[in-house]
Amino acid sequence: MISISETAKENSTIIFDVSFTDENEADVTPQSIAWTLVDSQDNVINSRDGISVSVPAPTVSIVLTGDDLQIQTSERYQKKVYRYLVVEAIYNSDVGDGLSITESIRFKVENLIHLV
């Protein structure tokens, strides 16, 4: 898991630039990339489950905005609200084909109490 220090604002926008490297730390373009957004209880947020990246590249931008960063009713009065962006990719390299990369990024969503 990667934890970032940047905090997203509730109902706002945050952009993650995700880079992929192989076992030798060389840039790699995956054959496929998909991502899922979950809360700390592993509930999928805003139906963002297995979202495919249409044009795989060594670095892709994943944009979360609006309802992706909405505080759920059960989280409304929590001071710290976390989300997890889970990224999965499949790539080929000198050691084999169909190799997996899986990583999660934990980030905080600032709970703007006055928003409903």
Protein backbone atom coordinates (compact mmCIF):
# COMPACT_ATOMS: atom_id res chain seq x y z
CA MET A 1 0.00 0.00 0.00
CA ILE A 2 1.16 3.51 -0.81
CA SER A 3 0.03 6.24 1.56
CA ILE A 4 0.15 9.81 0.32
CA SER A 5 0.28 12.96 2.38
CA GLU A 6 -2.06 14.88 0.07
CA THR A 7 -5.62 15.22 1.35
CA ALA A 8 -8.61 15.29 -0.99
CA LYS A 9 -11.42 17.68 -0.21
CA GLU A 10 -14.90 16.21 0.06
CA ASN A 11 -16.80 16.41 -3.28
CA SER A 12 -13.77 18.04 -4.96
CA THR A 13 -11.14 16.58 -7.36
CA ILE A 14 -7.87 14.72 -6.89
CA ILE A 15 -5.62 13.30 -9.63
CA PHE A 16 -3.29 10.34 -9.16
CA ASP A 17 -0.47 9.85 -11.66
CA VAL A 18 0.28 6.12 -11.49
CA SER A 19 3.53 4.79 -13.00
CA PHE A 20 4.33 1.18 -13.82
CA THR A 21 7.73 -0.51 -13.72
CA ASP A 22 8.86 -4.07 -14.22
CA GLU A 23 11.01 -6.25 -11.95
CA ASN A 24 14.11 -4.31 -13.13
CA GLU A 25 12.53 -0.92 -12.32
CA ALA A 26 12.24 -0.14 -16.05
CA ASP A 27 9.12 1.65 -17.30
CA VAL A 28 6.55 -0.77 -18.67
CA THR A 29 3.29 -0.32 -20.54
CA PRO A 30 0.78 -2.81 -19.14
CA GLN A 31 -1.53 -4.79 -21.42
CA SER A 32 -4.40 -3.85 -19.11
CA ILE A 33 -5.00 -1.53 -16.17
CA ALA A 34 -8.05 -1.38 -13.90
CA TRP A 35 -8.79 0.43 -10.65
CA THR A 36 -11.28 0.24 -7.79
CA LEU A 37 -12.16 2.82 -5.14
CA VAL A 38 -13.11 1.57 -1.66
CA ASP A 39 -13.56 2.94 1.84
CA SER A 40 -11.84 1.61 4.97
CA GLN A 41 -14.55 -1.07 5.32
CA ASP A 42 -13.88 -2.33 1.75
CA ASN A 43 -17.17 -0.91 0.43
CA VAL A 44 -16.96 0.14 -3.22
CA ILE A 45 -17.48 3.89 -3.58
CA ASN A 46 -19.62 5.36 -6.39
CA SER A 47 -19.71 2.05 -8.32
CA ARG A 48 -15.96 2.46 -9.05
CA ASP A 49 -15.15 -1.23 -9.25
CA GLY A 50 -12.79 -2.63 -11.89
CA ILE A 51 -12.72 0.56 -13.96
CA SER A 52 -10.57 -0.08 -17.05
CA VAL A 53 -8.05 2.47 -18.29
CA SER A 54 -8.83 2.75 -21.99
CA VAL A 55 -5.29 3.55 -23.18
CA PRO A 56 -2.63 1.80 -21.06
CA ALA A 57 0.69 3.68 -20.81
CA PRO A 58 3.75 3.64 -18.51
CA THR A 59 2.09 6.48 -16.54
CA VAL A 60 -1.66 7.07 -16.39
CA SER A 61 -3.75 9.68 -14.59
CA ILE A 62 -6.69 8.52 -12.52
CA VAL A 63 -9.11 11.34 -11.74
CA LEU A 64 -11.46 11.16 -8.77
CA THR A 65 -14.08 13.86 -8.43
CA GLY A 66 -17.49 14.73 -7.01
CA ASP A 67 -19.31 11.59 -5.82
CA ASP A 68 -16.00 9.66 -5.77
CA LEU A 69 -15.00 11.88 -2.85
CA GLN A 70 -18.38 12.14 -1.16
CA ILE A 71 -18.46 11.34 2.55
CA GLN A 72 -20.84 8.47 3.22
CA THR A 73 -23.63 8.80 5.80
CA SER A 74 -21.85 6.40 8.18
CA GLU A 75 -18.71 8.59 7.97
CA ARG A 76 -20.39 11.97 8.37
CA TYR A 77 -19.04 12.73 11.86
CA GLN A 78 -15.67 11.01 11.63
CA LYS A 79 -12.66 13.31 11.76
CA LYS A 80 -10.49 11.07 9.59
CA VAL A 81 -12.00 9.49 6.49
CA TYR A 82 -9.79 7.34 4.27
CA ARG A 83 -10.22 5.99 0.78
CA TYR A 84 -8.17 3.34 -1.01
CA LEU A 85 -7.46 3.42 -4.72
CA VAL A 86 -6.59 -0.15 -5.72
CA VAL A 87 -4.75 -0.41 -9.05
CA GLU A 88 -4.26 -3.69 -10.89
CA ALA A 89 -2.28 -4.20 -14.11
CA ILE A 90 -1.04 -7.04 -16.30
CA TYR A 91 2.27 -6.74 -18.18
CA ASN A 92 4.80 -8.78 -20.14
CA SER A 93 8.55 -8.80 -19.56
CA ASP A 94 11.68 -10.86 -20.18
CA VAL A 95 10.74 -13.16 -17.29
CA GLY A 96 7.25 -13.96 -18.53
CA ASP A 97 3.91 -12.88 -19.90
CA GLY A 98 0.75 -12.02 -18.02
CA LEU A 99 2.57 -10.80 -14.90
CA SER A 100 0.54 -8.93 -12.27
CA ILE A 101 1.07 -5.59 -10.58
CA THR A 102 -1.29 -4.78 -7.71
CA GLU A 103 -1.00 -1.77 -5.42
CA SER A 104 -3.26 0.31 -3.21
CA ILE A 105 -2.99 3.98 -2.42
CA ARG A 106 -4.44 5.22 0.85
CA PHE A 107 -5.50 8.86 0.99
CA LYS A 108 -7.49 11.02 3.36
CA VAL A 109 -10.70 12.80 2.41
CA GLU A 110 -11.28 16.00 4.35
CA ASN A 111 -14.76 15.86 5.87
CA LEU A 112 -16.32 19.27 5.24
CA ILE A 113 -19.00 18.92 7.92
CA HIS A 114 -21.36 21.49 6.43
CA LEU A 115 -21.76 19.56 3.16
CA VAL A 116 -24.70 17.19 2.97
